[in-house]
Protein backbone atom coordinates (compact mmCIF):
# COMPACT_ATOMS: atom_id res chain seq x y z
CA MET A 1 110.71 37.80 53.60
CA SER A 2 107.91 35.46 52.48
CA ASN A 3 106.64 35.12 56.06
CA LEU A 4 106.14 38.87 56.47
CA ASN A 5 102.86 40.65 55.77
CA ARG A 6 103.75 42.61 52.65
CA PRO A 7 100.62 44.41 51.44
CA LEU A 8 102.09 46.09 48.38
CA LEU A 9 103.97 43.01 47.26
CA ASP A 10 100.89 40.90 47.96
CA GLY A 11 98.91 43.22 45.69
CA VAL A 12 101.51 42.85 42.96
CA HIS A 13 101.44 39.07 43.35
CA ARG A 14 97.63 39.04 43.26
CA HIS A 15 97.60 41.00 40.00
CA MET A 16 100.37 38.91 38.47
CA LYS A 17 98.55 35.70 39.40
CA GLU A 18 95.26 37.04 38.04
CA PHE A 19 96.70 38.17 34.71
CA GLY A 20 99.65 35.79 34.39
CA TYR A 21 103.34 36.48 34.19
CA LEU A 22 103.09 37.58 30.56
CA HIS A 23 101.23 40.63 31.79
CA SER A 24 102.19 43.86 29.99
CA ILE A 25 104.39 46.44 31.72
CA PRO A 26 101.86 49.31 31.29
CA SER A 27 99.16 47.19 32.89
CA LEU A 28 101.47 46.18 35.74
CA GLN A 29 102.40 49.82 36.26
CA SER A 30 98.71 50.76 36.38
CA ASN A 31 98.01 48.00 38.90
CA LEU A 32 100.90 49.11 41.09
CA ALA A 33 99.70 52.70 40.91
CA ASN A 34 96.22 51.65 42.03
CA GLU A 35 97.64 49.49 44.81
CA VAL A 36 99.78 52.34 46.16
CA ARG A 37 96.82 54.75 46.07
CA THR A 38 94.56 52.23 47.83
CA LEU A 39 97.09 51.38 50.55
CA ARG A 40 97.90 55.04 51.15
CA ALA A 41 94.20 55.90 51.50
CA ARG A 42 93.56 52.94 53.81
CA SER A 43 96.40 54.05 56.03
CA GLY A 44 94.88 57.54 56.29
CA MET A 45 97.88 59.22 54.68
CA THR A 46 97.88 62.09 52.23
CA GLN A 47 100.27 62.11 49.30
CA SER A 48 102.32 64.66 51.24
CA ASP A 49 102.44 62.36 54.30
CA LEU A 50 103.66 59.48 52.15
CA ALA A 51 106.18 61.72 50.40
CA ILE A 52 107.66 62.75 53.76
CA ALA A 53 107.86 59.13 54.91
CA LEU A 54 109.55 58.14 51.63
CA GLU A 55 111.82 61.20 51.65
CA THR A 56 110.58 62.25 48.22
CA SER A 57 108.25 64.91 46.84
CA GLN A 58 104.47 64.95 46.74
CA ALA A 59 104.76 65.32 42.95
CA HIS A 60 106.73 62.05 42.82
CA VAL A 61 104.06 60.24 44.86
CA SER A 62 101.40 61.66 42.53
CA ALA A 63 103.37 60.43 39.49
CA ILE A 64 103.59 56.95 41.05
CA GLU A 65 99.85 56.89 41.82
CA THR A 66 98.92 57.97 38.30
CA GLY A 67 101.27 55.47 36.69
CA LYS A 68 103.47 58.17 35.16
CA THR A 69 106.58 56.76 36.81
CA MET A 70 107.53 53.17 37.55
CA LEU A 71 108.36 52.11 41.08
CA THR A 72 111.84 50.87 41.86
CA LEU A 73 112.29 47.80 44.03
CA GLU A 74 113.80 50.05 46.69
CA MET A 75 110.69 52.25 46.70
CA ILE A 76 108.38 49.20 46.85
CA LEU A 77 110.26 47.87 49.88
CA ARG A 78 110.21 51.28 51.59
CA MET A 79 106.44 51.55 51.01
CA ASP A 80 105.98 48.04 52.34
CA THR A 81 107.64 49.04 55.60
CA ILE A 82 105.48 52.15 55.85
CA PHE A 83 102.19 50.42 55.08
CA ARG A 84 102.88 47.50 57.46
CA ASN A 85 103.17 49.86 60.45
């Protein structure tokens, strides 16, 4: 797993390294939200496109990108697969 290009996880690691492991959960959630939004935009996907790929709703993707809901590890790994392709 560590040898794979994992853009979302790399972004999480970058933020955790920058702010330290005592980083607050709301701040981490905000950083993840920004990372998801950035990666989605870079990949040329709309929220609806990402929702279809994740088998979820556009409203759920919006809630993730605005930090209103926390990502699960499963969702992070699914996004990683999507954004690597």
